[in-house]
């Protein structure tokens, strides 16, 4: 779904949808990594967006029982955790 805001938002939302469809978070990120909007984005901002999306969707869909809602919330959480783990790994490598 198209949205207004920072240019990285649409590729980030695509990552969540790809994860919800069965892709691993790292593979979903690799799919969008070549997009100009994604390349121009600050990784720290994407980390924050991933966490914001996971918590916002968890709150929004807390009581909704539709299978896609559960899939999207779970995907957003998996992606946020992947970003967190990736950030921690990068700090250890430095």
Protein backbone atom coordinates (compact mmCIF):
# COMPACT_ATOMS: atom_id res chain seq x y z
CA UNK A 1 0.00 0.00 0.00
CA UNK A 2 1.43 3.36 -0.98
CA UNK A 3 1.91 5.84 1.82
CA UNK A 4 3.13 9.35 2.40
CA UNK A 5 6.28 9.81 4.37
CA UNK A 6 9.93 8.97 4.12
CA UNK A 7 10.84 7.21 0.88
CA UNK A 8 12.07 4.10 2.70
CA UNK A 9 8.61 3.38 4.18
CA UNK A 10 7.22 1.52 1.17
CA UNK A 11 10.26 -0.77 0.81
CA UNK A 12 10.18 -1.35 4.59
CA UNK A 13 6.52 -2.27 4.46
CA UNK A 14 7.29 -4.63 1.58
CA UNK A 15 9.87 -6.36 3.79
CA UNK A 16 7.18 -7.05 6.39
CA UNK A 17 4.80 -8.39 3.76
CA UNK A 18 7.50 -10.65 2.31
CA UNK A 19 8.25 -12.00 5.78
CA UNK A 20 4.53 -12.56 6.36
CA UNK A 21 4.49 -14.58 3.12
CA UNK A 22 7.29 -16.85 4.32
CA UNK A 23 10.59 -15.14 3.48
CA UNK A 24 13.30 -14.86 6.10
CA UNK A 25 13.87 -11.24 7.21
CA UNK A 26 17.41 -11.14 5.76
CA UNK A 27 16.13 -12.45 2.41
CA UNK A 28 13.27 -9.94 2.36
CA UNK A 29 15.73 -7.13 3.07
CA UNK A 30 17.97 -8.39 0.25
CA UNK A 31 15.04 -8.19 -2.18
CA UNK A 32 14.49 -4.47 -1.48
CA UNK A 33 18.16 -3.57 -0.98
CA UNK A 34 18.61 -2.46 -4.58
CA UNK A 35 15.81 0.12 -4.46
CA UNK A 36 17.04 3.72 -4.40
CA UNK A 37 14.74 4.58 -1.49
CA UNK A 38 16.24 1.77 0.56
CA UNK A 39 19.84 2.55 -0.37
CA UNK A 40 19.42 6.18 0.67
CA UNK A 41 17.93 5.35 4.06
CA UNK A 42 19.90 5.56 7.27
CA UNK A 43 20.08 2.03 8.78
CA UNK A 44 19.42 3.43 12.25
CA UNK A 45 16.20 5.01 11.04
CA UNK A 46 15.14 1.69 9.54
CA UNK A 47 15.89 -0.01 12.87
CA UNK A 48 13.61 2.48 14.64
CA UNK A 49 10.92 2.09 11.99
CA UNK A 50 10.99 -1.70 12.31
CA UNK A 51 10.50 -1.45 16.08
CA UNK A 52 7.81 1.19 15.71
CA UNK A 53 5.95 -0.90 13.16
CA UNK A 54 6.11 -4.04 15.30
CA UNK A 55 4.77 -2.30 18.40
CA UNK A 56 2.16 -0.26 16.53
CA UNK A 57 0.77 -3.25 14.65
CA UNK A 58 0.78 -5.37 17.80
CA UNK A 59 -1.33 -2.74 19.51
CA UNK A 60 -3.59 -2.19 16.50
CA UNK A 61 -4.23 -5.88 15.90
CA UNK A 62 -4.22 -7.06 19.53
CA UNK A 63 -7.78 -8.33 19.45
CA UNK A 64 -8.20 -9.04 15.74
CA UNK A 65 -8.30 -12.73 14.98
CA UNK A 66 -7.92 -12.61 11.19
CA UNK A 67 -5.04 -14.89 10.12
CA UNK A 68 -3.41 -12.17 7.99
CA UNK A 69 -3.38 -9.78 10.95
CA UNK A 70 -1.53 -12.36 13.03
CA UNK A 71 0.87 -13.02 10.14
CA UNK A 72 1.67 -9.33 9.66
CA UNK A 73 2.14 -8.67 13.36
CA UNK A 74 4.42 -11.70 13.64
CA UNK A 75 6.35 -10.65 10.55
CA UNK A 76 6.87 -7.13 11.87
CA UNK A 77 8.13 -8.56 15.15
CA UNK A 78 10.48 -10.99 13.39
CA UNK A 79 11.87 -8.20 11.23
CA UNK A 80 12.41 -5.91 14.24
CA UNK A 81 14.22 -8.70 16.08
CA UNK A 82 16.33 -9.42 12.99
CA UNK A 83 17.32 -5.73 12.80
CA UNK A 84 18.17 -5.78 16.52
CA UNK A 85 20.27 -8.92 16.19
CA UNK A 86 22.00 -7.59 13.08
CA UNK A 87 22.85 -4.36 14.89
CA UNK A 88 24.27 -6.28 17.86
CA UNK A 89 26.32 -8.47 15.51
CA UNK A 90 27.76 -5.40 13.75
CA UNK A 91 28.79 -3.90 17.11
CA UNK A 92 30.62 -7.12 18.06
CA UNK A 93 32.46 -7.19 14.72
CA UNK A 94 33.83 -3.65 15.25
